[in-house]
Amino acid sequence: MSSDEIEFFFSDAARALDEEILRLEERRQMLHEKLGAEQIERLQALFEQRLDREEGIEVRNSLAYWERKLLWTWARLAKLHALRRDVGRSAMKHLNTNRQDDD
């Protein structure tokens, strides 16, 4: 694979990830508006594992459809942000390696 092809791959991957992150951020915003502050606070405590075991079980057992969707959206966003960061780092390493080879 040529250097240009690798750079295109990183660029294309970053663009696709950015688009998906934007789409999920819009969904997250819609879900926040639908659920309200009190429910979101309770879900954040569950998501961030700040609840004790019994509370966590109780909250999980009482989750409604939209609450489950929000938890899924937060988890997916966290994964996509981590992947986007990794793609950026890999692209920078590739660019730095190519610069050193050119010197």
PDB file of N, CA and C in Angstrom:
ATOM      1  N   MET A   1       0.854  -1.171   0.000  1.00  0.00           N
ATOM      2  CA  MET A   1       0.000   0.000   0.000  1.00  0.00           C
ATOM      3  C   MET A   1       0.902   1.236   0.000  1.00  0.00           C
ATOM      4  N   SER A   2       0.628   2.155  -0.904  1.00  0.00           N
ATOM      5  CA  SER A   2       1.450   3.357  -1.000  1.00  0.00           C
ATOM      6  C   SER A   2       1.122   4.323   0.137  1.00  0.00           C
ATOM      7  N   SER A   3       2.015   5.264   0.324  1.00  0.00           N
ATOM      8  CA  SER A   3       1.818   6.268   1.372  1.00  0.00           C
ATOM      9  C   SER A   3       0.548   7.081   1.119  1.00  0.00           C
ATOM     10  N   ASP A   4       0.298   7.409  -0.148  1.00  0.00           N
ATOM     11  CA  ASP A   4      -0.918   8.164  -0.486  1.00  0.00           C
ATOM     12  C   ASP A   4      -2.178   7.364  -0.175  1.00  0.00           C
ATOM     13  N   GLU A   5      -2.135   6.060  -0.445  1.00  0.00           N
ATOM     14  CA  GLU A   5      -3.285   5.208  -0.149  1.00  0.00           C
ATOM     15  C   GLU A   5      -3.527   5.116   1.356  1.00  0.00           C
ATOM     16  N   ILE A   6      -2.456   5.039   2.114  1.00  0.00           N
ATOM     17  CA  ILE A   6      -2.577   4.984   3.573  1.00  0.00           C
ATOM     18  C   ILE A   6      -3.167   6.290   4.102  1.00  0.00           C
ATOM     19  N   GLU A   7      -2.670   7.413   3.591  1.00  0.00           N
ATOM     20  CA  GLU A   7      -3.196   8.710   4.016  1.00  0.00           C
ATOM     21  C   GLU A   7      -4.673   8.847   3.644  1.00  0.00           C
ATOM     22  N   PHE A   8      -5.041   8.362   2.451  1.00  0.00           N
ATOM     23  CA  PHE A   8      -6.449   8.396   2.042  1.00  0.00           C
ATOM     24  C   PHE A   8      -7.288   7.538   2.984  1.00  0.00           C
ATOM     25  N   PHE A   9      -6.776   6.370   3.345  1.00  0.00           N
ATOM     26  CA  PHE A   9      -7.492   5.485   4.263  1.00  0.00           C
ATOM     27  C   PHE A   9      -7.749   6.190   5.593  1.00  0.00           C
ATOM     28  N   PHE A  10      -6.699   6.800   6.173  1.00  0.00           N
ATOM     29  CA  PHE A  10      -6.865   7.499   7.449  1.00  0.00           C
ATOM     30  C   PHE A  10      -7.864   8.648   7.319  1.00  0.00           C
ATOM     31  N   SER A  11      -7.754   9.393   6.232  1.00  0.00           N
ATOM     32  CA  SER A  11      -8.652  10.525   6.011  1.00  0.00           C
ATOM     33  C   SER A  11     -10.099  10.056   5.871  1.00  0.00           C
ATOM     34  N   ASP A  12     -10.295   9.003   5.105  1.00  0.00           N
ATOM     35  CA  ASP A  12     -11.638   8.468   4.897  1.00  0.00           C
ATOM     36  C   ASP A  12     -12.214   7.905   6.199  1.00  0.00           C
ATOM     37  N   ALA A  13     -11.388   7.201   6.961  1.00  0.00           N
ATOM     38  CA  ALA A  13     -11.834   6.645   8.245  1.00  0.00           C
ATOM     39  C   ALA A  13     -12.220   7.768   9.204  1.00  0.00           C
ATOM     40  N   ALA A  14     -11.402   8.805   9.269  1.00  0.00           N
ATOM     41  CA  ALA A  14     -11.689   9.932  10.160  1.00  0.00           C
ATOM     42  C   ALA A  14     -12.990  10.622   9.762  1.00  0.00           C
ATOM     43  N   ARG A  15     -13.186  10.814   8.458  1.00  0.00           N
ATOM     44  CA  ARG A  15     -14.409  11.462   7.979  1.00  0.00           C
ATOM     45  C   ARG A  15     -15.641  10.629   8.341  1.00  0.00           C
ATOM     46  N   ALA A  16     -15.567   9.325   8.116  1.00  0.00           N
ATOM     47  CA  ALA A  16     -16.700   8.445   8.433  1.00  0.00           C
ATOM     48  C   ALA A  16     -16.999   8.451   9.934  1.00  0.00           C
ATOM     49  N   LEU A  17     -15.959   8.418  10.744  1.00  0.00           N
ATOM     50  CA  LEU A  17     -16.151   8.458  12.197  1.00  0.00           C
ATOM     51  C   LEU A  17     -16.752   9.787  12.632  1.00  0.00           C
ATOM     52  N   ASP A  18     -16.263  10.883  12.062  1.00  0.00           N
ATOM     53  CA  ASP A  18     -16.806  12.204  12.397  1.00  0.00           C
ATOM     54  C   ASP A  18     -18.295  12.293  12.056  1.00  0.00           C
ATOM     55  N   GLU A  19     -18.681  11.743  10.901  1.00  0.00           N
ATOM     56  CA  GLU A  19     -20.090  11.762  10.504  1.00  0.00           C
ATOM     57  C   GLU A  19     -20.948  10.950  11.471  1.00  0.00           C
ATOM     58  N   GLU A  20     -20.462   9.781  11.857  1.00  0.00           N
ATOM     59  CA  GLU A  20     -21.223   8.929  12.776  1.00  0.00           C
ATOM     60  C   GLU A  20     -21.312   9.566  14.167  1.00  0.00           C
ATOM     61  N   ILE A  21     -20.233  10.188  14.609  1.00  0.00           N
ATOM     62  CA  ILE A  21     -20.249  10.880  15.901  1.00  0.00           C
ATOM     63  C   ILE A  21     -21.271  12.014  15.875  1.00  0.00           C
ATOM     64  N   LEU A  22     -21.284  12.774  14.799  1.00  0.00           N
ATOM     65  CA  LEU A  22     -22.252  13.871  14.672  1.00  0.00           C
ATOM     66  C   LEU A  22     -23.689  13.340  14.701  1.00  0.00           C
ATOM     67  N   ARG A  23     -23.944  12.254  13.990  1.00  0.00           N
ATOM     68  CA  ARG A  23     -25.278  11.655  13.961  1.00  0.00           C
ATOM     69  C   ARG A  23     -25.704  11.208  15.364  1.00  0.00           C
ATOM     70  N   LEU A  24     -24.783  10.571  16.085  1.00  0.00           N
ATOM     71  CA  LEU A  24     -25.107  10.107  17.434  1.00  0.00           C
ATOM     72  C   LEU A  24     -25.234  11.261  18.425  1.00  0.00           C
ATOM     73  N   GLU A  25     -24.474  12.323  18.239  1.00  0.00           N
ATOM     74  CA  GLU A  25     -24.617  13.506  19.104  1.00  0.00           C
ATOM     75  C   GLU A  25     -26.006  14.118  18.932  1.00  0.00           C
ATOM     76  N   GLU A  26     -26.502  14.128  17.699  1.00  0.00           N
ATOM     77  CA  GLU A  26     -27.856  14.634  17.460  1.00  0.00           C
ATOM     78  C   GLU A  26     -28.890  13.740  18.140  1.00  0.00           C
ATOM     79  N   ARG A  27     -28.682  12.424  18.072  1.00  0.00           N
ATOM     80  CA  ARG A  27     -29.588  11.486  18.741  1.00  0.00           C
ATOM     81  C   ARG A  27     -29.519  11.684  20.255  1.00  0.00           C
ATOM     82  N   ARG A  28     -28.314  11.855  20.786  1.00  0.00           N
ATOM     83  CA  ARG A  28     -28.130  12.069  22.220  1.00  0.00           C
ATOM     84  C   ARG A  28     -28.899  13.314  22.665  1.00  0.00           C
ATOM     85  N   GLN A  29     -28.783  14.375  21.886  1.00  0.00           N
ATOM     86  CA  GLN A  29     -29.477  15.618  22.228  1.00  0.00           C
ATOM     87  C   GLN A  29     -30.994  15.413  22.242  1.00  0.00           C
ATOM     88  N   MET A  30     -31.504  14.705  21.246  1.00  0.00           N
ATOM     89  CA  MET A  30     -32.940  14.426  21.180  1.00  0.00           C
ATOM     90  C   MET A  30     -33.384  13.612  22.394  1.00  0.00           C
ATOM     91  N   LEU A  31     -32.586  12.620  22.775  1.00  0.00           N
ATOM     92  CA  LEU A  31     -32.931  11.789  23.927  1.00  0.00           C
ATOM     93  C   LEU A  31     -32.866  12.587  25.229  1.00  0.00           C
ATOM     94  N   HIS A  32     -31.887  13.480  25.344  1.00  0.00           N
ATOM     95  CA  HIS A  32     -31.800  14.333  26.538  1.00  0.00           C
ATOM     96  C   HIS A  32     -33.060  15.182  26.664  1.00  0.00           C
ATOM     97  N   GLU A  33     -33.502  15.742  25.548  1.00  0.00           N
ATOM     98  CA  GLU A  33     -34.709  16.570  25.574  1.00  0.00           C
ATOM     99  C   GLU A  33     -35.939  15.742  25.930  1.00  0.00           C
ATOM    100  N   LYS A  34     -35.986  14.531  25.451  1.00  0.00           N
ATOM    101  CA  LYS A  34     -37.131  13.647  25.688  1.00  0.00           C
ATOM    102  C   LYS A  34     -37.202  13.191  27.144  1.00  0.00           C
ATOM    103  N   LEU A  35     -36.039  12.935  27.761  1.00  0.00           N
ATOM    104  CA  LEU A  35     -36.021  12.320  29.089  1.00  0.00           C
ATOM    105  C   LEU A  35     -36.058  13.318  30.244  1.00  0.00           C
ATOM    106  N   GLY A  36     -35.380  14.407  30.137  1.00  0.00           N
ATOM    107  CA  GLY A  36     -35.360  15.356  31.239  1.00  0.00           C
ATOM    108  C   GLY A  36     -34.179  15.163  32.177  1.00  0.00           C
ATOM    109  N   ALA A  37     -33.890  16.210  32.937  1.00  0.00           N
ATOM    110  CA  ALA A  37     -32.675  16.283  33.755  1.00  0.00           C
ATOM    111  C   ALA A  37     -32.604  15.218  34.847  1.00  0.00           C
ATOM    112  N   GLU A  38     -33.710  14.961  35.522  1.00  0.00           N
ATOM    113  CA  GLU A  38     -33.681  14.004  36.638  1.00  0.00           C
ATOM    114  C   GLU A  38     -33.356  12.589  36.151  1.00  0.00           C
ATOM    115  N   GLN A  39     -33.998  12.183  35.078  1.00  0.00           N
ATOM    116  CA  GLN A  39     -33.719  10.850  34.535  1.00  0.00           C
ATOM    117  C   GLN A  39     -32.283  10.761  34.018  1.00  0.00           C
ATOM    118  N   ILE A  40     -31.822  11.815  33.384  1.00  0.00           N
ATOM    119  CA  ILE A  40     -30.462  11.814  32.839  1.00  0.00           C
ATOM    120  C   ILE A  40     -29.440  11.698  33.961  1.00  0.00           C
ATOM    121  N   GLU A  41     -29.672  12.408  35.054  1.00  0.00           N
ATOM    122  CA  GLU A  41     -28.755  12.331  36.197  1.00  0.00           C
ATOM    123  C   GLU A  41     -28.670  10.902  36.741  1.00  0.00           C
ATOM    124  N   ARG A  42     -29.810  10.254  36.859  1.00  0.00           N
ATOM    125  CA  ARG A  42     -29.860   8.866  37.345  1.00  0.00           C
ATOM    126  C   ARG A  42     -29.134   7.930  36.369  1.00  0.00           C
ATOM    127  N   LEU A  43     -29.347   8.144  35.069  1.00  0.00           N
ATOM    128  CA  LEU A  43     -28.697   7.307  34.058  1.00  0.00           C
ATOM    129  C   LEU A  43     -27.188   7.544  34.014  1.00  0.00           C
ATOM    130  N   GLN A  44     -26.773   8.801  34.206  1.00  0.00           N
ATOM    131  CA  GLN A  44     -25.335   9.087  34.241  1.00  0.00           C
ATOM    132  C   GLN A  44     -24.669   8.374  35.405  1.00  0.00           C
ATOM    133  N   ALA A  45     -25.332   8.357  36.536  1.00  0.00           N
ATOM    134  CA  ALA A  45     -24.779   7.650  37.695  1.00  0.00           C
ATOM    135  C   ALA A  45     -24.626   6.162  37.386  1.00  0.00           C
ATOM    136  N   LEU A  46     -25.601   5.592  36.703  1.00  0.00           N
ATOM    137  CA  LEU A  46     -25.513   4.184  36.304  1.00  0.00           C
ATOM    138  C   LEU A  46     -24.390   3.988  35.289  1.00  0.00           C
ATOM    139  N   PHE A  47     -24.352   4.828  34.273  1.00  0.00           N
ATOM    140  CA  PHE A  47     -23.362   4.712  33.197  1.00  0.00           C
ATOM    141  C   PHE A  47     -21.938   4.862  33.723  1.00  0.00           C
ATOM    142  N   GLU A  48     -21.758   5.780  34.654  1.00  0.00           N
ATOM    143  CA  GLU A  48     -20.427   6.037  35.221  1.00  0.00           C
ATOM    144  C   GLU A  48     -20.112   5.121  36.397  1.00  0.00           C
ATOM    145  N   GLN A  49     -20.995   4.189  36.669  1.00  0.00           N
ATOM    146  CA  GLN A  49     -20.840   3.186  37.726  1.00  0.00           C
ATOM    147  C   GLN A  49     -20.624   3.825  39.099  1.00  0.00           C
ATOM    148  N   ARG A  50     -21.435   4.861  39.382  1.00  0.00           N
ATOM    149  CA  ARG A  50     -21.371   5.538  40.674  1.00  0.00           C
ATOM    150  C   ARG A  50     -22.397   5.001  41.661  1.00  0.00           C
ATOM    151  N   LEU A  51     -23.225   4.082  41.225  1.00  0.00           N
ATOM    152  CA  LEU A  51     -24.249   3.506  42.100  1.00  0.00           C
ATOM    153  C   LEU A  51     -23.703   2.250  42.759  1.00  0.00           C
ATOM    154  N   ASP A  52     -24.195   1.980  43.969  1.00  0.00           N
ATOM    155  CA  ASP A  52     -23.789   0.704  44.570  1.00  0.00           C
ATOM    156  C   ASP A  52     -24.494  -0.421  43.810  1.00  0.00           C
ATOM    157  N   ARG A  53     -24.099  -1.631  44.092  1.00  0.00           N
ATOM    158  CA  ARG A  53     -24.579  -2.793  43.334  1.00  0.00           C
ATOM    159  C   ARG A  53     -26.103  -2.884  43.320  1.00  0.00           C
ATOM    160  N   GLU A  54     -26.720  -2.755  44.478  1.00  0.00           N
ATOM    161  CA  GLU A  54     -28.182  -2.887  44.574  1.00  0.00           C
ATOM    162  C   GLU A  54     -28.903  -1.785  43.807  1.00  0.00           C
ATOM    163  N   GLU A  55     -28.414  -0.550  43.949  1.00  0.00           N
ATOM    164  CA  GLU A  55     -29.027   0.564  43.217  1.00  0.00           C
ATOM    165  C   GLU A  55     -28.897   0.354  41.713  1.00  0.00           C
ATOM    166  N   GLY A  56     -27.725  -0.089  41.292  1.00  0.00           N
ATOM    167  CA  GLY A  56     -27.497  -0.332  39.870  1.00  0.00           C
ATOM    168  C   GLY A  56     -28.452  -1.367  39.310  1.00  0.00           C
ATOM    169  N   ILE A  57     -28.657  -2.438  40.052  1.00  0.00           N
ATOM    170  CA  ILE A  57     -29.591  -3.486  39.622  1.00  0.00           C
ATOM    171  C   ILE A  57     -31.006  -2.933  39.545  1.00  0.00           C
ATOM    172  N   GLU A  58     -31.382  -2.160  40.550  1.00  0.00           N
ATOM    173  CA  GLU A  58     -32.726  -1.577  40.584  1.00  0.00           C
ATOM    174  C   GLU A  58     -32.952  -0.648  39.389  1.00  0.00           C
ATOM    175  N   VAL A  59     -31.973   0.201  39.118  1.00  0.00           N
ATOM    176  CA  VAL A  59     -32.109   1.130  37.992  1.00  0.00           C
ATOM    177  C   VAL A  59     -32.163   0.355  36.675  1.00  0.00           C
ATOM    178  N   ARG A  60     -31.266  -0.613  36.495  1.00  0.00           N
ATOM    179  CA  ARG A  60     -31.257  -1.409  35.257  1.00  0.00           C
ATOM    180  C   ARG A  60     -32.589  -2.135  35.032  1.00  0.00           C
ATOM    181  N   ASN A  61     -33.158  -2.653  36.097  1.00  0.00           N
ATOM    182  CA  ASN A  61     -34.426  -3.382  35.972  1.00  0.00           C
ATOM    183  C   ASN A  61     -35.613  -2.476  35.660  1.00  0.00           C
ATOM    184  N   SER A  62     -35.470  -1.190  35.916  1.00  0.00           N
ATOM    185  CA  SER A  62     -36.589  -0.271  35.695  1.00  0.00           C
ATOM    186  C   SER A  62     -36.420   0.588  34.440  1.00  0.00           C
ATOM    187  N   LEU A  63     -35.422   0.297  33.620  1.00  0.00           N
ATOM    188  CA  LEU A  63     -35.153   1.138  32.454  1.00  0.00           C
ATOM    189  C   LEU A  63     -36.263   1.053  31.408  1.00  0.00           C
ATOM    190  N   ALA A  64     -36.655   2.217  30.922  1.00  0.00           N
ATOM    191  CA  ALA A  64     -37.613   2.305  29.826  1.00  0.00           C
ATOM    192  C   ALA A  64     -36.842   2.287  28.498  1.00  0.00           C
ATOM    193  N   TYR A  65     -37.576   2.160  27.417  1.00  0.00           N
ATOM    194  CA  TYR A  65     -36.983   2.072  26.081  1.00  0.00           C
ATOM    195  C   TYR A  65     -36.027   3.227  25.794  1.00  0.00           C
ATOM    196  N   TRP A  66     -36.477   4.467  26.015  1.00  0.00           N
ATOM    197  CA  TRP A  66     -35.658   5.635  25.678  1.00  0.00           C
ATOM    198  C   TRP A  66     -34.435   5.737  26.583  1.00  0.00           C
ATOM    199  N   GLU A  67     -34.559   5.288  27.796  1.00  0.00           N
ATOM    200  CA  GLU A  67     -33.406   5.283  28.704  1.00  0.00           C
ATOM    201  C   GLU A  67     -32.355   4.289  28.218  1.00  0.00           C
ATOM    202  N   ARG A  68     -32.798   3.131  27.768  1.00  0.00           N
ATOM    203  CA  ARG A  68     -31.860   2.147  27.204  1.00  0.00           C
ATOM    204  C   ARG A  68     -31.186   2.698  25.955  1.00  0.00           C
ATOM    205  N   LYS A  69     -31.960   3.390  25.134  1.00  0.00           N
ATOM    206  CA  LYS A  69     -31.403   4.005  23.923  1.00  0.00           C
ATOM    207  C   LYS A  69     -30.328   5.031  24.277  1.00  0.00           C
ATOM    208  N   LEU A  70     -30.567   5.820  25.316  1.00  0.00           N
ATOM    209  CA  LEU A  70     -29.581   6.819  25.714  1.00  0.00           C
ATOM    210  C   LEU A  70     -28.309   6.155  26.233  1.00  0.00           C
ATOM    211  N   LEU A  71     -28.442   5.126  27.042  1.00  0.00           N
ATOM    212  CA  LEU A  71     -27.261   4.405  27.534  1.00  0.00           C
ATOM    213  C   LEU A  71     -26.469   3.812  26.376  1.00  0.00           C
ATOM    214  N   TRP A  72     -27.169   3.233  25.409  1.00  0.00           N
ATOM    215  CA  TRP A  72     -26.503   2.675  24.230  1.00  0.00           C
ATOM    216  C   TRP A  72     -25.783   3.775  23.456  1.00  0.00           C
ATOM    217  N   THR A  73     -26.441   4.928  23.311  1.00  0.00           N
ATOM    218  CA  THR A  73     -25.855   6.048  22.574  1.00  0.00           C
ATOM    219  C   THR A  73     -24.599   6.551  23.269  1.00  0.00           C
ATOM    220  N   TRP A  74     -24.641   6.709  24.588  1.00  0.00           N
ATOM    221  CA  TRP A  74     -23.445   7.135  25.324  1.00  0.00           C
ATOM    222  C   TRP A  74     -22.299   6.145  25.147  1.00  0.00           C
ATOM    223  N   ALA A  75     -22.605   4.856  25.241  1.00  0.00           N
ATOM    224  CA  ALA A  75     -21.561   3.832  25.102  1.00  0.00           C
ATOM    225  C   ALA A  75     -20.969   3.860  23.698  1.00  0.00           C
ATOM    226  N   ARG A  76     -21.821   3.979  22.703  1.00  0.00           N
ATOM    227  CA  ARG A  76     -21.353   4.016  21.310  1.00  0.00           C
ATOM    228  C   ARG A  76     -20.519   5.267  21.063  1.00  0.00           C
ATOM    229  N   LEU A  77     -20.954   6.401  21.579  1.00  0.00           N
ATOM    230  CA  LEU A  77     -20.179   7.636  21.422  1.00  0.00           C
ATOM    231  C   LEU A  77     -18.807   7.513  22.070  1.00  0.00           C
ATOM    232  N   ALA A  78     -18.742   6.924  23.243  1.00  0.00           N
ATOM    233  CA  ALA A  78     -17.449   6.748  23.916  1.00  0.00           C
ATOM    234  C   ALA A  78     -16.518   5.893  23.064  1.00  0.00           C
ATOM    235  N   LYS A  79     -17.045   4.822  22.490  1.00  0.00           N
ATOM    236  CA  LYS A  79     -16.223   3.953  21.636  1.00  0.00           C
ATOM    237  C   LYS A  79     -15.774   4.676  20.374  1.00  0.00           C
ATOM    238  N   LEU A  80     -16.686   5.413  19.755  1.00  0.00           N
ATOM    239  CA  LEU A  80     -16.342   6.127  18.527  1.00  0.00           C
ATOM    240  C   LEU A  80     -15.328   7.232  18.779  1.00  0.00           C
ATOM    241  N   HIS A  81     -15.462   7.952  19.883  1.00  0.00           N
ATOM    242  CA  HIS A  81     -14.481   8.990  20.206  1.00  0.00           C
ATOM    243  C   HIS A  81     -13.100   8.373  20.432  1.00  0.00           C
ATOM    244  N   ALA A  82     -13.044   7.239  21.104  1.00  0.00           N
ATOM    245  CA  ALA A  82     -11.760   6.557  21.324  1.00  0.00           C
ATOM    246  C   ALA A  82     -11.173   6.085  19.999  1.00  0.00           C
ATOM    247  N   LEU A  83     -11.998   5.535  19.136  1.00  0.00           N
ATOM    248  CA  LEU A  83     -11.528   5.074  17.831  1.00  0.00           C
ATOM    249  C   LEU A  83     -11.054   6.248  16.982  1.00  0.00           C
ATOM    250  N   ARG A  84     -11.790   7.360  17.030  1.00  0.00           N
ATOM    251  CA  ARG A  84     -11.399   8.562  16.262  1.00  0.00           C
ATOM    252  C   ARG A  84     -10.055   9.075  16.751  1.00  0.00           C
ATOM    253  N   ARG A  85      -9.856   9.079  18.061  1.00  0.00           N
ATOM    254  CA  ARG A  85      -8.576   9.491  18.633  1.00  0.00           C
ATOM    255  C   ARG A  85      -7.453   8.575  18.144  1.00  0.00           C
ATOM    256  N   ASP A  86      -7.707   7.270  18.130  1.00  0.00           N
ATOM    257  CA  ASP A  86      -6.696   6.311  17.686  1.00  0.00           C
ATOM    258  C   ASP A  86      -6.368   6.475  16.205  1.00  0.00           C
ATOM    259  N   VAL A  87      -7.374   6.745  15.390  1.00  0.00           N
ATOM    260  CA  VAL A  87      -7.140   6.979  13.961  1.00  0.00           C
ATOM    261  C   VAL A  87      -6.278   8.223  13.780  1.00  0.00           C
ATOM    262  N   GLY A  88      -6.577   9.272  14.516  1.00  0.00           N
ATOM    263  CA  GLY A  88      -5.773  10.494  14.436  1.00  0.00           C
ATOM    264  C   GLY A  88      -4.332  10.261  14.843  1.00  0.00           C
ATOM    265  N   ARG A  89      -4.127   9.528  15.919  1.00  0.00           N
ATOM    266  CA  ARG A  89      -2.769   9.220  16.374  1.00  0.00           C
ATOM    267  C   ARG A  89      -2.018   8.384  15.343  1.00  0.00           C
ATOM    268  N   SER A  90      -2.698   7.388  14.795  1.00  0.00           N
ATOM    269  CA  SER A  90      -2.053   6.536  13.787  1.00  0.00           C
ATOM    270  C   SER A  90      -1.692   7.345  12.544  1.00  0.00           C
ATOM    271  N   ALA A  91      -2.570   8.248  12.148  1.00  0.00           N
ATOM    272  CA  ALA A  91      -2.285   9.097  10.990  1.00  0.00           C
ATOM    273  C   ALA A  91      -1.071   9.978  11.265  1.00  0.00           C
ATOM    274  N   MET A  92      -0.995  10.548  12.462  1.00  0.00           N
ATOM    275  CA  MET A  92       0.153  11.395  12.806  1.00  0.00           C
ATOM    276  C   MET A  92       1.448  10.584  12.825  1.00  0.00           C
ATOM    277  N   LYS A  93       1.402   9.376  13.362  1.00  0.00           N
ATOM    278  CA  LYS A  93       2.594   8.519  13.359  1.00  0.00           C
ATOM    279  C   LYS A  93       3.032   8.227  11.933  1.00  0.00           C
ATOM    280  N   HIS A  94       2.066   7.932  11.074  1.00  0.00           N
ATOM    281  CA  HIS A  94       2.383   7.651   9.672  1.00  0.00           C
ATOM    282  C   HIS A  94       3.018   8.873   9.013  1.00  0.00           C
ATOM    283  N   LEU A  95       2.430  10.041   9.236  1.00  0.00           N
ATOM    284  CA  LEU A  95       2.978  11.263   8.644  1.00  0.00           C
ATOM    285  C   LEU A  95       4.374  11.554   9.169  1.00  0.00           C
ATOM    286  N   ASN A  96       4.590  11.375  10.470  1.00  0.00           N
ATOM    287  CA  ASN A  96       5.918  11.613  11.045  1.00  0.00           C
ATOM    288  C   ASN A  96       6.939  10.624  10.511  1.00  0.00           C
ATOM    289  N   THR A  97       6.551   9.376  10.331  1.00  0.00           N
ATOM    290  CA  THR A  97       7.454   8.367   9.777  1.00  0.00           C
ATOM    291  C   THR A  97       7.834   8.732   8.351  1.00  0.00           C
ATOM    292  N   ASN A  98       6.867   9.185   7.567  1.00  0.00           N
ATOM    293  CA  ASN A  98       7.154   9.575   6.183  1.00  0.00           C
ATOM    294  C   ASN A  98       8.059  10.792   6.120  1.00  0.00           C
ATOM    295  N   ARG A  99       7.881  11.740   7.026  1.00  0.00           N
ATOM    296  CA  ARG A  99       8.759  12.918   7.053  1.00  0.00           C
ATOM    297  C   ARG A  99      10.192  12.518   7.352  1.00  0.00           C
ATOM    298  N   GLN A 100      10.355  11.608   8.312  1.00  0.00           N
ATOM    299  CA  GLN A 100      11.700  11.155   8.672  1.00  0.00           C
ATOM    300  C   GLN A 100      12.337  10.409   7.514  1.00  0.00           C
ATOM    301  N   ASP A 101      11.545   9.645   6.772  1.00  0.00           N
ATOM    302  CA  ASP A 101      12.067   8.920   5.614  1.00  0.00           C
ATOM    303  C   ASP A 101      12.476   9.873   4.506  1.00  0.00           C
ATOM    304  N   ASP A 102      11.774  11.016   4.398  1.00  0.00           N
ATOM    305  CA  ASP A 102      12.082  11.998   3.359  1.00  0.00           C
ATOM    306  C   ASP A 102      13.338  12.796   3.674  1.00  0.00           C
ATOM    307  N   ASP A 103      13.688  12.893   4.967  1.00  0.00           N
ATOM    308  CA  ASP A 103      14.862  13.698   5.365  1.00  0.00           C
ATOM    309  C   ASP A 103      16.156  13.040   5.028  1.00  0.00           C
TER     310      ASP A 103
END
